[in-house]
Protein backbone atom coordinates (compact mmCIF):
# COMPACT_ATOMS: atom_id res chain seq x y z
CA MET A 1 104.14 80.03 125.84
CA ASP A 2 104.79 83.57 124.62
CA ILE A 3 103.15 86.98 124.92
CA ASN A 4 101.54 86.82 121.48
CA GLN A 5 99.74 83.61 122.44
CA LEU A 6 98.39 85.22 125.60
CA GLN A 7 97.25 88.33 123.71
CA THR A 8 95.57 86.11 121.12
CA PHE A 9 93.88 84.13 123.91
CA LEU A 10 92.33 87.35 125.26
CA ARG A 11 91.16 88.45 121.80
CA VAL A 12 89.55 85.08 121.08
CA SER A 13 87.84 85.07 124.49
CA GLU A 14 86.57 88.62 123.82
CA TYR A 15 85.24 88.02 120.30
CA GLY A 16 84.24 84.37 120.64
CA SER A 17 85.65 83.61 117.21
CA PHE A 18 89.01 82.76 115.69
CA THR A 19 88.07 84.72 112.56
CA LYS A 20 87.06 87.91 114.38
CA ALA A 21 90.13 87.73 116.61
CA ALA A 22 92.26 87.30 113.47
CA GLU A 23 90.79 90.47 111.94
CA GLN A 24 91.77 92.44 115.04
CA SER A 25 95.26 90.93 115.03
CA PHE A 26 95.87 91.37 111.27
CA ILE A 27 96.67 87.67 110.88
CA SER A 28 94.80 84.72 109.41
CA GLY A 29 92.20 82.68 111.27
CA THR A 30 94.41 79.64 110.78
CA ALA A 31 97.32 81.41 112.50
CA VAL A 32 95.08 82.30 115.45
CA MET A 33 93.86 78.71 115.74
CA LYS A 34 97.45 77.41 115.69
CA GLN A 35 98.45 79.82 118.46
CA ILE A 36 95.56 78.68 120.66
CA ASN A 37 96.23 75.00 119.93
CA ARG A 38 99.90 75.47 120.84
CA LEU A 39 99.00 77.34 124.04
CA GLU A 40 96.59 74.60 125.12
CA SER A 41 99.17 71.93 124.33
CA GLU A 42 101.95 73.66 126.28
CA LEU A 43 99.71 74.23 129.30
CA ASN A 44 97.96 70.86 129.01
CA LEU A 45 94.64 72.69 129.39
CA LYS A 46 91.50 72.95 127.28
CA LEU A 47 90.73 76.66 127.19
CA PHE A 48 87.99 76.78 124.53
CA ASN A 49 85.11 74.67 123.32
CA ARG A 50 84.96 74.80 119.51
CA THR A 51 81.55 74.85 117.80
CA ALA A 52 80.32 75.55 114.28
CA THR A 53 79.24 79.04 115.34
CA GLY A 54 82.34 80.05 117.27
CA VAL A 55 84.26 79.29 120.45
CA GLN A 56 83.47 79.59 124.15
CA LEU A 57 85.70 79.56 127.20
CA THR A 58 85.75 76.32 129.15
CA PRO A 59 85.69 76.46 132.97
CA GLN A 60 89.49 76.18 132.81
CA GLY A 61 89.59 79.03 130.29
CA LYS A 62 87.40 81.24 132.50
CA THR A 63 89.73 80.61 135.44
CA PHE A 64 92.81 81.30 133.33
CA GLN A 65 91.49 84.55 131.77
CA PRO A 66 91.84 87.00 134.72
CA TYR A 67 95.36 85.75 135.43
CA VAL A 68 96.36 86.47 131.84
CA HIS A 69 95.05 90.02 132.22
CA GLN A 70 97.07 90.41 135.42
CA LEU A 71 100.18 88.93 133.85
CA LEU A 72 100.12 91.23 130.81
CA ASP A 73 99.36 94.28 132.98
CA LEU A 74 102.29 93.37 135.24
CA LEU A 75 104.57 92.90 132.24
CA ASN A 76 103.55 96.28 130.83
CA THR A 77 104.25 97.92 134.20
CA ALA A 78 107.64 96.20 134.42
CA VAL A 79 108.63 97.41 130.96
CA GLU A 80 107.48 100.96 131.68
CA GLU A 81 109.37 101.08 134.99
CA THR A 82 112.52 99.64 133.44
CA ARG A 83 112.47 102.15 130.58
CA ARG A 84 111.98 105.00 133.04
CA VAL A 85 115.11 104.02 135.00
CA ARG A 86 117.19 103.49 131.88
CA THR A 87 116.33 106.87 130.34
CA ASP A 88 116.68 109.13 133.38
CA ASP A 89 112.93 109.59 133.71
CA LYS A 90 112.52 110.43 130.02
CA GLN A 91 109.67 108.37 128.64
CA ILE A 92 110.71 106.96 125.27
CA ILE A 93 108.06 106.85 122.55
CA LEU A 94 108.99 104.50 119.72
CA LEU A 95 107.85 106.05 116.43
CA GLY A 96 107.86 103.58 113.56
CA THR A 97 109.00 104.73 110.15
CA SER A 98 109.26 103.07 106.75
CA LEU A 99 109.32 103.85 103.06
CA LEU A 100 105.52 104.02 102.83
CA HIS A 101 104.99 105.45 106.32
CA PRO A 102 107.58 108.24 106.72
CA ALA A 103 107.73 109.98 110.08
CA ASP A 104 108.48 113.42 108.58
CA PRO A 105 104.91 114.81 108.83
CA PHE A 106 104.93 114.23 112.58
CA MET A 107 108.55 115.20 113.23
CA SER A 108 107.98 118.68 111.79
CA ILE A 109 105.20 119.12 114.36
CA TRP A 110 107.23 117.51 117.14
CA LYS A 111 109.95 120.15 116.76
CA LYS A 112 107.35 122.74 117.76
CA VAL A 113 105.72 120.89 120.65
CA ALA A 114 108.74 119.08 122.13
CA PRO A 115 109.67 121.96 124.49
CA ASP A 116 106.18 121.71 126.00
CA MET A 117 106.48 117.93 126.51
CA PRO A 118 109.86 117.62 128.27
CA LYS A 119 109.19 114.25 129.90
CA PHE A 120 108.88 112.52 126.51
CA GLN A 121 111.52 111.61 123.97
CA ILE A 122 110.89 110.32 120.44
CA ARG A 123 112.98 107.43 119.17
CA LEU A 124 112.64 106.47 115.50
CA VAL A 125 112.57 102.75 114.77
CA GLN A 126 112.43 100.98 111.42
CA LEU A 127 109.04 99.32 110.98
CA GLN A 128 109.39 95.61 110.43
CA GLU A 129 106.75 93.85 108.35
CA ASP A 130 104.69 91.05 109.85
CA LEU A 131 104.69 88.70 106.87
CA ASN A 132 101.67 86.81 108.24
CA SER A 133 99.55 89.95 108.19
CA SER A 134 97.54 91.50 105.38
CA ASN A 135 98.24 94.91 106.98
CA ARG A 136 101.91 94.25 107.56
CA GLU A 137 103.24 97.38 109.24
CA TYR A 138 100.02 98.25 111.05
CA ALA A 139 100.24 94.85 112.72
CA MET A 140 103.44 95.93 114.50
CA LEU A 141 101.74 98.74 116.45
CA GLY A 142 102.20 98.13 120.15
CA ARG A 143 104.87 95.54 119.39
CA SER A 144 107.93 97.01 117.68
CA SER A 145 106.61 100.59 117.80
CA ASP A 146 104.26 102.66 119.96
CA LEU A 147 103.14 104.94 117.14
CA MET A 148 103.45 105.38 113.40
CA VAL A 149 102.29 107.97 110.88
CA GLY A 150 99.71 106.57 108.49
CA THR A 151 96.44 107.14 106.68
CA PHE A 152 93.06 106.24 108.12
CA ASP A 153 89.33 106.42 107.44
CA SER A 154 86.17 104.87 108.84
CA THR A 155 87.02 101.56 107.14
CA THR A 156 90.53 101.22 108.52
CA LEU A 157 89.54 102.40 112.01
CA LYS A 158 87.32 99.32 112.31
CA HIS A 159 90.58 97.40 112.76
CA ALA A 160 92.70 97.29 115.87
CA PHE A 161 94.20 100.76 115.89
CA SER A 162 93.23 104.33 116.78
CA ALA A 163 94.20 107.58 115.06
CA THR A 164 95.05 111.14 116.07
CA LYS A 165 94.62 113.34 113.00
CA LEU A 166 97.55 115.49 111.88
CA GLY A 167 96.39 116.57 108.43
CA SER A 168 95.31 115.39 104.98
CA TYR A 169 97.25 113.96 102.05
CA HIS A 170 96.36 114.69 98.42
CA PHE A 171 96.02 112.19 95.62
CA GLY A 172 98.37 112.21 92.67
CA ILE A 173 99.14 110.07 89.65
CA ALA A 174 102.61 108.51 89.59
CA VAL A 175 104.00 107.66 86.16
CA ARG A 176 107.36 106.84 84.68
CA SER A 177 109.33 109.93 83.69
CA ASP A 178 108.96 109.15 79.96
CA HIS A 179 105.18 108.67 80.18
CA PRO A 180 103.12 111.38 78.38
CA LEU A 181 101.25 112.21 81.61
CA ALA A 182 104.55 113.11 83.30
CA GLN A 183 104.65 116.34 81.28
CA LEU A 184 101.42 117.70 82.79
CA GLU A 185 101.31 120.11 85.73
CA GLU A 186 98.00 118.65 86.91
CA ILE A 187 96.05 115.58 85.81
CA SER A 188 92.28 115.65 85.36
CA PHE A 189 90.06 112.59 85.16
CA SER A 190 89.71 113.02 81.39
CA ASP A 191 93.50 112.82 80.99
CA LEU A 192 93.22 109.20 82.13
CA THR A 193 90.94 108.15 79.25
CA HIS A 194 91.85 104.61 78.08
CA GLN A 195 94.70 104.49 80.61
CA LYS A 196 95.56 101.52 82.79
CA VAL A 197 95.65 102.77 86.39
CA LEU A 198 97.21 100.79 89.24
CA MET A 199 95.27 101.03 92.52
CA VAL A 200 94.38 99.07 95.64
CA PRO A 201 91.35 96.77 95.41
CA THR A 202 88.02 97.83 96.86
CA GLY A 203 87.39 97.36 100.57
CA ILE A 204 90.84 98.41 101.79
CA SER A 205 90.38 102.18 101.85
CA GLU A 206 87.17 104.19 101.89
CA LYS A 207 88.78 107.15 100.10
CA ASN A 208 90.38 104.95 97.44
CA ASP A 209 87.00 103.32 96.84
CA LEU A 210 85.39 106.75 96.47
CA LEU A 211 88.08 107.90 94.04
CA ARG A 212 87.76 104.70 92.00
CA GLN A 213 83.98 105.17 91.81
CA GLN A 214 84.27 108.77 90.60
CA LEU A 215 86.97 107.89 88.07
CA LEU A 216 84.91 105.11 86.50
CA GLU A 217 81.69 107.13 86.53
CA LYS A 218 83.29 110.06 84.69
CA VAL A 219 85.75 108.10 82.53
CA PRO A 220 84.40 104.55 82.00
CA SER A 221 87.29 103.70 79.66
CA ILE A 222 89.81 103.76 82.53
CA GLN A 223 91.15 100.26 83.17
CA PRO A 224 91.73 99.68 86.91
CA ILE A 225 94.63 97.33 87.67
CA ASP A 226 94.21 96.01 91.22
CA THR A 227 97.19 95.33 93.45
CA THR A 228 97.15 92.23 95.64
CA GLY A 229 96.57 94.39 98.73
CA ARG A 230 98.16 97.49 100.24
CA TYR A 231 101.03 99.08 98.37
CA ASP A 232 104.60 97.95 98.87
CA ILE A 233 107.80 98.65 96.93
CA ASN A 234 106.80 96.03 94.35
CA THR A 235 103.78 98.18 93.45
CA PHE A 236 106.05 101.07 92.47
CA ASN A 237 108.33 98.72 90.54
CA LYS A 238 105.31 97.40 88.63
CA ALA A 239 104.30 100.93 87.61
CA VAL A 240 107.82 101.52 86.27
CA GLU A 241 108.31 98.17 84.58
CA GLU A 242 104.91 98.16 82.86
CA ASN A 243 104.89 101.94 82.30
CA ILE A 244 101.38 102.38 83.68
CA ALA A 245 99.84 105.10 85.82
CA MET A 246 99.41 104.56 89.56
CA ILE A 247 97.25 106.24 92.20
CA SER A 248 99.66 107.84 94.68
CA LEU A 249 99.69 110.10 97.73
CA THR A 250 101.64 113.17 98.85
CA PRO A 251 104.34 111.42 100.96
CA TRP A 252 105.24 108.90 98.25
CA LYS A 253 106.66 111.38 95.72
CA ARG A 254 110.27 110.32 96.24
CA ILE A 255 109.91 106.58 96.81
CA HIS A 256 111.01 105.56 93.30
CA PRO A 257 113.54 107.68 91.36
CA ASN A 258 112.00 106.72 88.00
CA LEU A 259 108.50 107.86 88.92
CA VAL A 260 107.07 111.37 88.63
CA THR A 261 104.01 112.23 90.72
CA VAL A 262 101.59 114.73 89.18
CA PRO A 263 98.77 116.20 91.33
CA LEU A 264 95.33 114.75 90.54
CA LYS A 265 92.49 117.25 90.21
CA THR A 266 90.04 116.00 92.85
CA ASP A 267 88.48 117.24 96.07
CA ILE A 268 89.02 113.85 97.72
CA THR A 269 91.77 113.85 100.35
CA VAL A 270 93.01 111.19 102.76
CA ASP A 271 93.35 111.91 106.48
CA TYR A 272 96.65 110.96 108.09
CA GLY A 273 97.82 111.02 111.66
CA LEU A 274 99.46 109.22 114.53
CA LEU A 275 98.28 105.62 114.63
CA SER A 276 98.37 103.62 117.85
CA ALA A 277 97.07 100.29 119.08
CA LYS A 278 93.52 100.32 120.48
CA LEU A 279 95.02 99.55 123.89
CA PRO A 280 98.32 101.44 123.67
CA GLY A 281 99.53 101.20 127.26
CA LYS A 282 99.72 104.00 129.81
CA LYS A 283 102.90 105.65 128.49
CA THR A 284 101.61 106.00 124.93
CA ALA A 285 98.13 107.01 126.11
CA ASP A 286 99.65 109.74 128.32
CA PHE A 287 101.77 110.97 125.41
CA LEU A 288 98.79 111.18 123.05
CA HIS A 289 96.64 112.92 125.65
CA GLU A 290 99.30 115.56 126.29
CA PHE A 291 100.08 115.92 122.58
CA ILE A 292 96.41 116.47 121.70
CA GLN A 293 96.10 119.14 124.38
CA ILE A 294 98.84 121.31 122.91
CA ASN A 295 99.44 120.40 119.27
CA HIS A 296 96.63 122.19 117.42
CA PRO A 297 97.81 125.76 118.02
CA LYS A 298 101.39 124.68 117.24
CA ILE A 299 100.44 123.09 113.91
CA SER A 300 98.88 126.30 112.62
CA GLN A 301 101.90 128.49 113.45
């Protein structure tokens, strides 16, 4: 029995469905079912009744549920208290960073607000991908990191994380340095006539969907090339190897040395900010509350 199984148990009991619990955990329904089956086997208990319309807690499951809440709360308290002793009362906030989710936009703000938040210390940690998740790095929030800097919109906020806005990123078009579009100072929609354009599929990002819609309405000859999901380093390699244009964002300008990012002429922007788990724990919640109270005047200075 491990912590992930217990967290999954609570999500399934809350949503009454393996599929809905999987969406909140960024893993597959099959993976959720396997975790529950393993938990029941290890405990020799039947926690859920399975039906065609969902799952329901058994009497054993209902008895077990409040103890799981207590156990996880106690574990969280133990970790918080241990960290406090180890760091001389400095509360460590683990800020995840990766190639696609750089911490720079937040760290520039943190330099300004840190003197006003002396009880907190930021520790950068490399985000590790959860290979079972369709939203790999987001799935690690609350596990390997407390916070990360990332984009969000009404679509993504339906999932299991919350956001504190820091600013907005701008769209650009990334192309190989020898591509004709690389010579432009700014790219308009009409410049993309008959071009293949690499982008995420619909349903992943509200702003990407809006941009795709406007592109195709104004320039129907554009040929969208869908990725298999969210961008990763292979997406940038594909743009280079096939010499095709790619929808990009402000922080990704330096990811691939053979790509040049040219600003795209559009009013559509993408909000970014500090992302946290829906239930971040007291330490992270306290940090965000204090940060929100003081950061806005600091950002504008």
